[in-house]
Amino acid sequence: MGMGRATAELFAAEGAKVVLTDVNTAEGQKVADAINAAGGQAAFIPLNVSDEAQVSDTVARVIRQWERIDVLVNCAGVIGPDKQTHEVTEAEWDALFAIDVKGVFFLTKHVVPHMIASRAGSIVNFSSIYGLIGNDEYSPYHVAKGAVTMMTKQDAASYGVHNIRVNSVHPSTVLTPLVEGVAAAYAGGLPAYERHMTANQSLKRLGRPEDVAYAVLFLASDESSWVTGVALPVDGGYTAR
């Protein structure tokens, strides 16, 4: 859904063979079917990214069917509890890190050996502006995204010798289905929500999923062949101020 869906659709439109994964089987299959109906090539595989055995099996399945993985986009994530550090339970912390951090770790761990064998690959991790700066809400989420930011830099440093590039994108508020629901419930609706959420941005509009998808496409493509270890804000200028 949201940015993941937009990225899959854009990659397919550019000629990529796309494998979508999600715990939401109905939505994942619907997106794959829509891509195929539009003339693209897509498959859907149910996957819980916090389960390493499932990740290993899924990567092996992709390799059996398509023989190689050129691009890995790690975009699975949850927001978790809106709490400060002293309020968070261990169970809440672990549940969020299992998806937002271990999910990136597991997919990278099992895909990288195939990229090493190919002597090429691009990994794009979804972080957040709150993987770069802090604020006073959703503390576990922001710490997790900070971990993704550092994992990106570490893996870029480690795997460049194999011609594998690793970069991250850092969106601010993007008008995904989840955000649309939040905006609809906000006092004054979407216009008021947009004014509130873009008050610190240079560009006074919410992001669209395709804004982020085009950034991911660039980082995945040969046009960025000399770009690695980059934390790219896609944030309407939020972090510039």
C-alpha atoms as a PDB file:
ATOM      1  CA  MET A   1       0.000   0.000   0.000  1.00  0.00           C
ATOM      2  CA  GLY A   2       1.016   3.658  -0.156  1.00  0.00           C
ATOM      3  CA  MET A   3       4.649   4.276  -1.024  1.00  0.00           C
ATOM      4  CA  GLY A   4       5.456   0.582  -1.503  1.00  0.00           C
ATOM      5  CA  ARG A   5       2.647   0.191  -3.989  1.00  0.00           C
ATOM      6  CA  ALA A   6       3.621   3.338  -5.900  1.00  0.00           C
ATOM      7  CA  THR A   7       7.228   2.148  -6.061  1.00  0.00           C
ATOM      8  CA  ALA A   8       6.245  -1.297  -7.360  1.00  0.00           C
ATOM      9  CA  GLU A   9       3.983   0.206 -10.008  1.00  0.00           C
ATOM     10  CA  LEU A  10       6.658   2.668 -11.152  1.00  0.00           C
ATOM     11  CA  PHE A  11       9.364   0.006 -11.342  1.00  0.00           C
ATOM     12  CA  ALA A  12       7.061  -2.245 -13.368  1.00  0.00           C
ATOM     13  CA  ALA A  13       6.244   0.617 -15.726  1.00  0.00           C
ATOM     14  CA  GLU A  14      10.000   1.092 -16.241  1.00  0.00           C
ATOM     15  CA  GLY A  15      10.359  -2.567 -17.250  1.00  0.00           C
ATOM     16  CA  ALA A  16      11.360  -4.276 -14.015  1.00  0.00           C
ATOM     17  CA  LYS A  17      10.129  -7.703 -13.038  1.00  0.00           C
ATOM     18  CA  VAL A  18       8.651  -6.899  -9.639  1.00  0.00           C
ATOM     19  CA  VAL A  19       8.129  -9.241  -6.692  1.00  0.00           C
ATOM     20  CA  LEU A  20       5.864  -7.753  -4.038  1.00  0.00           C
ATOM     21  CA  THR A  21       5.749  -9.095  -0.491  1.00  0.00           C
ATOM     22  CA  ASP A  22       3.440  -8.256   2.404  1.00  0.00           C
ATOM     23  CA  VAL A  23       1.478  -9.762   5.264  1.00  0.00           C
ATOM     24  CA  ASN A  24      -1.644  -8.267   3.654  1.00  0.00           C
ATOM     25  CA  THR A  25      -2.261 -10.999   1.101  1.00  0.00           C
ATOM     26  CA  ALA A  26      -5.400  -9.525  -0.419  1.00  0.00           C
ATOM     27  CA  GLU A  27      -3.897  -6.093  -1.105  1.00  0.00           C
ATOM     28  CA  GLY A  28      -0.570  -7.513  -2.256  1.00  0.00           C
ATOM     29  CA  GLN A  29      -2.175  -9.828  -4.770  1.00  0.00           C
ATOM     30  CA  LYS A  30      -4.456  -7.035  -5.980  1.00  0.00           C
ATOM     31  CA  VAL A  31      -1.476  -4.805  -6.745  1.00  0.00           C
ATOM     32  CA  ALA A  32       0.363  -7.580  -8.563  1.00  0.00           C
ATOM     33  CA  ASP A  33      -2.741  -8.377 -10.603  1.00  0.00           C
ATOM     34  CA  ALA A  34      -3.179  -4.707 -11.524  1.00  0.00           C
ATOM     35  CA  ILE A  35       0.453  -4.432 -12.650  1.00  0.00           C
ATOM     36  CA  ASN A  36       0.104  -7.531 -14.823  1.00  0.00           C
ATOM     37  CA  ALA A  37      -3.189  -6.285 -16.281  1.00  0.00           C
ATOM     38  CA  ALA A  38      -1.447  -3.031 -17.249  1.00  0.00           C
ATOM     39  CA  GLY A  39       1.198  -4.973 -19.187  1.00  0.00           C
ATOM     40  CA  GLY A  40       3.863  -5.167 -16.485  1.00  0.00           C
ATOM     41  CA  GLN A  41       5.406  -8.219 -14.853  1.00  0.00           C
ATOM     42  CA  ALA A  42       4.690  -8.779 -11.177  1.00  0.00           C
ATOM     43  CA  ALA A  43       4.265 -11.584  -8.669  1.00  0.00           C
ATOM     44  CA  PHE A  44       3.106 -11.526  -5.069  1.00  0.00           C
ATOM     45  CA  ILE A  45       4.533 -13.647  -2.248  1.00  0.00           C
ATOM     46  CA  PRO A  46       3.072 -13.425   1.266  1.00  0.00           C
ATOM     47  CA  LEU A  47       5.832 -12.551   3.723  1.00  0.00           C
ATOM     48  CA  ASN A  48       6.260 -11.507   7.323  1.00  0.00           C
ATOM     49  CA  VAL A  49       9.614  -9.712   7.221  1.00  0.00           C
ATOM     50  CA  SER A  50      10.176 -10.284  10.945  1.00  0.00           C
ATOM     51  CA  ASP A  51      10.405 -14.060  10.379  1.00  0.00           C
ATOM     52  CA  GLU A  52      13.876 -14.978   9.113  1.00  0.00           C
ATOM     53  CA  ALA A  53      12.820 -18.422   7.921  1.00  0.00           C
ATOM     54  CA  GLN A  54      10.093 -16.868   5.767  1.00  0.00           C
ATOM     55  CA  VAL A  55      12.562 -14.309   4.422  1.00  0.00           C
ATOM     56  CA  SER A  56      15.083 -17.018   3.531  1.00  0.00           C
ATOM     57  CA  ASP A  57      12.438 -19.118   1.796  1.00  0.00           C
ATOM     58  CA  THR A  58      11.085 -16.130  -0.127  1.00  0.00           C
ATOM     59  CA  VAL A  59      14.501 -15.055  -1.394  1.00  0.00           C
ATOM     60  CA  ALA A  60      15.270 -18.632  -2.444  1.00  0.00           C
ATOM     61  CA  ARG A  61      11.955 -18.799  -4.299  1.00  0.00           C
ATOM     62  CA  VAL A  62      12.699 -15.580  -6.174  1.00  0.00           C
ATOM     63  CA  ILE A  63      16.136 -16.841  -7.158  1.00  0.00           C
ATOM     64  CA  ARG A  64      14.710 -20.154  -8.372  1.00  0.00           C
ATOM     65  CA  GLN A  65      12.181 -18.384 -10.561  1.00  0.00           C
ATOM     66  CA  TRP A  66      14.128 -15.354 -11.817  1.00  0.00           C
ATOM     67  CA  GLU A  67      17.766 -16.394 -11.128  1.00  0.00           C
ATOM     68  CA  ARG A  68      18.910 -13.012  -9.820  1.00  0.00           C
ATOM     69  CA  ILE A  69      17.926 -10.038  -7.689  1.00  0.00           C
ATOM     70  CA  ASP A  70      19.170  -6.711  -8.986  1.00  0.00           C
ATOM     71  CA  VAL A  71      17.289  -4.375  -6.636  1.00  0.00           C
ATOM     72  CA  LEU A  72      16.024  -4.775  -3.084  1.00  0.00           C
ATOM     73  CA  VAL A  73      13.611  -2.176  -1.694  1.00  0.00           C
ATOM     74  CA  ASN A  74      13.080  -2.480   2.061  1.00  0.00           C
ATOM     75  CA  CYS A  75       9.886  -0.553   2.708  1.00  0.00           C
ATOM     76  CA  ALA A  76       7.911  -2.670   5.191  1.00  0.00           C
ATOM     77  CA  GLY A  77       7.262  -0.775   8.391  1.00  0.00           C
ATOM     78  CA  VAL A  78       4.892   0.039  11.237  1.00  0.00           C
ATOM     79  CA  ILE A  79       4.618   3.227  13.285  1.00  0.00           C
ATOM     80  CA  GLY A  80       4.119   1.665  16.698  1.00  0.00           C
ATOM     81  CA  PRO A  81       3.021   3.391  19.893  1.00  0.00           C
ATOM     82  CA  ASP A  82       2.921   7.175  20.257  1.00  0.00           C
ATOM     83  CA  LYS A  83       4.956   7.147  23.453  1.00  0.00           C
ATOM     84  CA  GLN A  84       8.142   8.589  24.859  1.00  0.00           C
ATOM     85  CA  THR A  85      10.944   6.273  25.892  1.00  0.00           C
ATOM     86  CA  HIS A  86      10.004   5.939  29.561  1.00  0.00           C
ATOM     87  CA  GLU A  87       6.439   4.921  28.632  1.00  0.00           C
ATOM     88  CA  VAL A  88       7.271   2.141  26.164  1.00  0.00           C
ATOM     89  CA  THR A  89       6.975  -1.505  27.173  1.00  0.00           C
ATOM     90  CA  GLU A  90       9.524  -4.093  26.150  1.00  0.00           C
ATOM     91  CA  ALA A  91       6.867  -5.905  24.113  1.00  0.00           C
ATOM     92  CA  GLU A  92       5.980  -2.713  22.200  1.00  0.00           C
ATOM     93  CA  TRP A  93       9.656  -1.981  21.537  1.00  0.00           C
ATOM     94  CA  ASP A  94      10.396  -5.503  20.338  1.00  0.00           C
ATOM     95  CA  ALA A  95       7.309  -5.682  18.087  1.00  0.00           C
ATOM     96  CA  LEU A  96       8.265  -2.482  16.273  1.00  0.00           C
ATOM     97  CA  PHE A  97      11.972  -3.315  15.943  1.00  0.00           C
ATOM     98  CA  ALA A  98      11.119  -6.805  14.658  1.00  0.00           C
ATOM     99  CA  ILE A  99       9.580  -5.266  11.539  1.00  0.00           C
ATOM    100  CA  ASP A 100      11.254  -1.885  11.067  1.00  0.00           C
ATOM    101  CA  VAL A 101      14.832  -2.966  11.819  1.00  0.00           C
ATOM    102  CA  LYS A 102      15.093  -6.758  11.774  1.00  0.00           C
ATOM    103  CA  GLY A 103      13.041  -6.840   8.578  1.00  0.00           C
ATOM    104  CA  VAL A 104      15.658  -4.721   6.814  1.00  0.00           C
ATOM    105  CA  PHE A 105      18.426  -6.835   8.353  1.00  0.00           C
ATOM    106  CA  PHE A 106      16.879 -10.166   7.318  1.00  0.00           C
ATOM    107  CA  LEU A 107      16.136  -9.158   3.705  1.00  0.00           C
ATOM    108  CA  THR A 108      19.573  -7.610   3.280  1.00  0.00           C
ATOM    109  CA  LYS A 109      21.276 -10.621   4.872  1.00  0.00           C
ATOM    110  CA  HIS A 110      19.632 -13.097   2.516  1.00  0.00           C
ATOM    111  CA  VAL A 111      19.717 -11.024  -0.686  1.00  0.00           C
ATOM    112  CA  VAL A 112      23.293  -9.717  -0.485  1.00  0.00           C
ATOM    113  CA  PRO A 113      25.001 -13.081  -1.174  1.00  0.00           C
ATOM    114  CA  HIS A 114      23.208 -13.248  -4.517  1.00  0.00           C
ATOM    115  CA  MET A 115      24.241  -9.680  -5.338  1.00  0.00           C
ATOM    116  CA  ILE A 116      27.820 -10.529  -4.410  1.00  0.00           C
ATOM    117  CA  ALA A 117      27.675 -13.458  -6.831  1.00  0.00           C
ATOM    118  CA  SER A 118      26.380 -11.104  -9.547  1.00  0.00           C
ATOM    119  CA  ARG A 119      28.944  -8.421  -8.683  1.00  0.00           C
ATOM    120  CA  ALA A 120      26.151  -5.843  -8.752  1.00  0.00           C
ATOM    121  CA  GLY A 121      23.097  -4.678  -6.873  1.00  0.00           C
ATOM    122  CA  SER A 122      21.229  -1.739  -5.410  1.00  0.00           C
ATOM    123  CA  ILE A 123      19.480  -1.718  -2.037  1.00  0.00           C
ATOM    124  CA  VAL A 124      17.132   1.107  -1.083  1.00  0.00           C
ATOM    125  CA  ASN A 125      15.943   1.294   2.507  1.00  0.00           C
ATOM    126  CA  PHE A 126      12.947   3.318   3.661  1.00  0.00           C
ATOM    127  CA  SER A 127      13.848   5.414   6.668  1.00  0.00           C
ATOM    128  CA  SER A 128      12.171   8.714   7.596  1.00  0.00           C
ATOM    129  CA  ILE A 129      13.008  12.328   8.317  1.00  0.00           C
ATOM    130  CA  TYR A 130      12.838  11.024  11.886  1.00  0.00           C
ATOM    131  CA  GLY A 131      15.759   8.778  11.138  1.00  0.00           C
ATOM    132  CA  LEU A 132      17.702  12.047  10.805  1.00  0.00           C
ATOM    133  CA  ILE A 133      16.151  14.342  13.413  1.00  0.00           C
ATOM    134  CA  GLY A 134      14.117  13.900  16.570  1.00  0.00           C
ATOM    135  CA  ASN A 135      10.842  15.219  17.910  1.00  0.00           C
ATOM    136  CA  ASP A 136       8.587  14.605  20.890  1.00  0.00           C
ATOM    137  CA  GLU A 137       6.390  11.723  19.683  1.00  0.00           C
ATOM    138  CA  TYR A 138       6.605   8.087  18.494  1.00  0.00           C
ATOM    139  CA  SER A 139      10.006   7.583  20.106  1.00  0.00           C
ATOM    140  CA  PRO A 140      10.447   3.862  19.264  1.00  0.00           C
ATOM    141  CA  TYR A 141       9.662   4.490  15.590  1.00  0.00           C
ATOM    142  CA  HIS A 142      12.182   7.294  15.352  1.00  0.00           C
ATOM    143  CA  VAL A 143      14.904   5.259  17.046  1.00  0.00           C
ATOM    144  CA  ALA A 144      14.182   2.345  14.690  1.00  0.00           C
ATOM    145  CA  LYS A 145      14.444   4.602  11.657  1.00  0.00           C
ATOM    146  CA  GLY A 146      17.729   5.914  13.002  1.00  0.00           C
ATOM    147  CA  ALA A 147      18.947   2.324  13.077  1.00  0.00           C
ATOM    148  CA  VAL A 148      17.916   1.886   9.441  1.00  0.00           C
ATOM    149  CA  THR A 149      19.821   5.062   8.542  1.00  0.00           C
ATOM    150  CA  MET A 150      22.999   3.730  10.167  1.00  0.00           C
ATOM    151  CA  MET A 151      22.541   0.238   8.733  1.00  0.00           C
ATOM    152  CA  THR A 152      22.374   1.857   5.294  1.00  0.00           C
ATOM    153  CA  LYS A 153      25.700   3.630   5.786  1.00  0.00           C
ATOM    154  CA  GLN A 154      27.365   0.566   7.284  1.00  0.00           C
ATOM    155  CA  ASP A 155      26.233  -1.721   4.467  1.00  0.00           C
ATOM    156  CA  ALA A 156      27.229   0.858   1.855  1.00  0.00           C
ATOM    157  CA  ALA A 157      30.718   0.910   3.366  1.00  0.00           C
ATOM    158  CA  SER A 158      30.885  -2.881   3.575  1.00  0.00           C
ATOM    159  CA  TYR A 159      29.545  -3.954   0.202  1.00  0.00           C
ATOM    160  CA  GLY A 160      30.885  -1.325  -2.184  1.00  0.00           C
ATOM    161  CA  VAL A 161      33.821  -3.636  -2.908  1.00  0.00           C
ATOM    162  CA  HIS A 162      31.276  -5.969  -4.516  1.00  0.00           C
ATOM    163  CA  ASN A 163      29.718  -3.148  -6.592  1.00  0.00           C
ATOM    164  CA  ILE A 164      26.638  -3.174  -4.350  1.00  0.00           C
ATOM    165  CA  ARG A 165      25.147   0.210  -3.525  1.00  0.00           C
ATOM    166  CA  VAL A 166      23.005   0.909  -0.442  1.00  0.00           C
ATOM    167  CA  ASN A 167      21.034   4.118   0.052  1.00  0.00           C
ATOM    168  CA  SER A 168      18.049   5.299   2.065  1.00  0.00           C
ATOM    169  CA  VAL A 169      15.086   7.598   1.446  1.00  0.00           C
ATOM    170  CA  HIS A 170      13.671   9.797   4.201  1.00  0.00           C
ATOM    171  CA  PRO A 171      10.108  10.987   3.578  1.00  0.00           C
ATOM    172  CA  SER A 172       8.197  13.449   5.691  1.00  0.00           C
ATOM    173  CA  THR A 173       4.387  13.150   5.748  1.00  0.00           C
ATOM    174  CA  VAL A 174       3.123  11.424   2.606  1.00  0.00           C
ATOM    175  CA  LEU A 175      -0.539  11.137   1.654  1.00  0.00           C
ATOM    176  CA  THR A 176      -0.843   7.368   1.885  1.00  0.00           C
ATOM    177  CA  PRO A 177      -4.121   5.572   2.676  1.00  0.00           C
ATOM    178  CA  LEU A 178      -3.108   5.546   6.354  1.00  0.00           C
ATOM    179  CA  VAL A 179      -2.463   9.292   6.386  1.00  0.00           C
ATOM    180  CA  GLU A 180      -5.669   9.963   4.465  1.00  0.00           C
ATOM    181  CA  GLY A 181      -7.582   8.314   7.298  1.00  0.00           C
ATOM    182  CA  VAL A 182      -5.748  10.390   9.902  1.00  0.00           C
ATOM    183  CA  ALA A 183      -6.367  13.579   7.914  1.00  0.00           C
ATOM    184  CA  ALA A 184     -10.070  12.840   7.520  1.00  0.00           C
ATOM    185  CA  ALA A 185     -10.430  12.562  11.303  1.00  0.00           C
ATOM    186  CA  TYR A 186      -8.428  15.743  11.954  1.00  0.00           C
ATOM    187  CA  ALA A 187     -10.356  18.864  12.983  1.00  0.00           C
ATOM    188  CA  GLY A 188     -10.896  20.762   9.745  1.00  0.00           C
ATOM    189  CA  GLY A 189     -10.156  17.714   7.592  1.00  0.00           C
ATOM    190  CA  LEU A 190      -7.382  17.366   5.032  1.00  0.00           C
ATOM    191  CA  PRO A 191      -6.798  21.127   4.392  1.00  0.00           C
ATOM    192  CA  ALA A 192      -6.247  21.806   8.081  1.00  0.00           C
ATOM    193  CA  TYR A 193      -4.134  18.682   8.490  1.00  0.00           C
ATOM    194  CA  GLU A 194      -1.970  19.659   5.525  1.00  0.00           C
ATOM    195  CA  ARG A 195      -1.402  23.152   6.906  1.00  0.00           C
ATOM    196  CA  HIS A 196      -0.410  21.701  10.268  1.00  0.00           C
ATOM    197  CA  MET A 197       1.913  19.016   8.926  1.00  0.00           C
ATOM    198  CA  THR A 198       3.674  21.280   6.410  1.00  0.00           C
ATOM    199  CA  ALA A 199       4.202  24.248   8.715  1.00  0.00           C
ATOM    200  CA  ASN A 200       7.933  23.480   8.934  1.00  0.00           C
ATOM    201  CA  GLN A 201       8.329  22.569   5.251  1.00  0.00           C
ATOM    202  CA  SER A 202       9.561  24.831   2.472  1.00  0.00           C
ATOM    203  CA  LEU A 203       7.063  23.305   0.031  1.00  0.00           C
ATOM    204  CA  LYS A 204       3.603  23.650   1.554  1.00  0.00           C
ATOM    205  CA  ARG A 205       2.012  20.403   0.467  1.00  0.00           C
ATOM    206  CA  LEU A 206       2.001  16.833   1.662  1.00  0.00           C
ATOM    207  CA  GLY A 207       4.080  14.373  -0.266  1.00  0.00           C
ATOM    208  CA  ARG A 208       2.544  11.940  -2.723  1.00  0.00           C
ATOM    209  CA  PRO A 209       3.600   8.293  -2.878  1.00  0.00           C
ATOM    210  CA  GLU A 210       4.992   8.833  -6.368  1.00  0.00           C
ATOM    211  CA  ASP A 211       7.298  11.600  -5.067  1.00  0.00           C
ATOM    212  CA  VAL A 212       9.087   8.981  -3.001  1.00  0.00           C
ATOM    213  CA  ALA A 213       8.824   6.281  -5.671  1.00  0.00           C
ATOM    214  CA  TYR A 214      10.775   8.404  -8.170  1.00  0.00           C
ATOM    215  CA  ALA A 215      13.539   8.920  -5.609  1.00  0.00           C
ATOM    216  CA  VAL A 216      13.720   5.155  -5.054  1.00  0.00           C
ATOM    217  CA  LEU A 217      13.790   4.593  -8.816  1.00  0.00           C
ATOM    218  CA  PHE A 218      16.761   6.937  -9.180  1.00  0.00           C
ATOM    219  CA  LEU A 219      18.688   5.253  -6.367  1.00  0.00           C
ATOM    220  CA  ALA A 220      17.980   1.821  -7.825  1.00  0.00           C
ATOM    221  CA  SER A 221      18.957   2.744 -11.361  1.00  0.00           C
ATOM    222  CA  ASP A 222      22.227   2.908 -13.276  1.00  0.00           C
ATOM    223  CA  GLU A 223      21.813   6.694 -13.350  1.00  0.00           C
ATOM    224  CA  SER A 224      22.939   6.700  -9.700  1.00  0.00           C
ATOM    225  CA  SER A 225      25.825   4.271 -10.234  1.00  0.00           C
ATOM    226  CA  TRP A 226      28.232   6.490  -8.250  1.00  0.00           C
ATOM    227  CA  VAL A 227      25.838   7.096  -5.355  1.00  0.00           C
ATOM    228  CA  THR A 228      26.016   4.977  -2.200  1.00  0.00           C
ATOM    229  CA  GLY A 229      25.617   5.564   1.522  1.00  0.00           C
ATOM    230  CA  VAL A 230      23.304   8.494   0.886  1.00  0.00           C
ATOM    231  CA  ALA A 231      20.413   9.433   3.193  1.00  0.00           C
ATOM    232  CA  LEU A 232      18.111  11.250   0.756  1.00  0.00           C
ATOM    233  CA  PRO A 233      15.401  13.436   2.313  1.00  0.00           C
ATOM    234  CA  VAL A 234      12.199  13.478   0.254  1.00  0.00           C
ATOM    235  CA  ASP A 235      10.482  15.896   2.553  1.00  0.00           C
ATOM    236  CA  GLY A 236       9.402  19.145   0.910  1.00  0.00           C
ATOM    237  CA  GLY A 237      12.360  20.863   2.535  1.00  0.00           C
ATOM    238  CA  TYR A 238      11.474  19.897   6.118  1.00  0.00           C
ATOM    239  CA  THR A 239      15.028  19.023   7.153  1.00  0.00           C
ATOM    240  CA  ALA A 240      16.482  22.038   5.300  1.00  0.00           C
ATOM    241  CA  ARG A 241      14.962  24.493   7.779  1.00  0.00           C
END
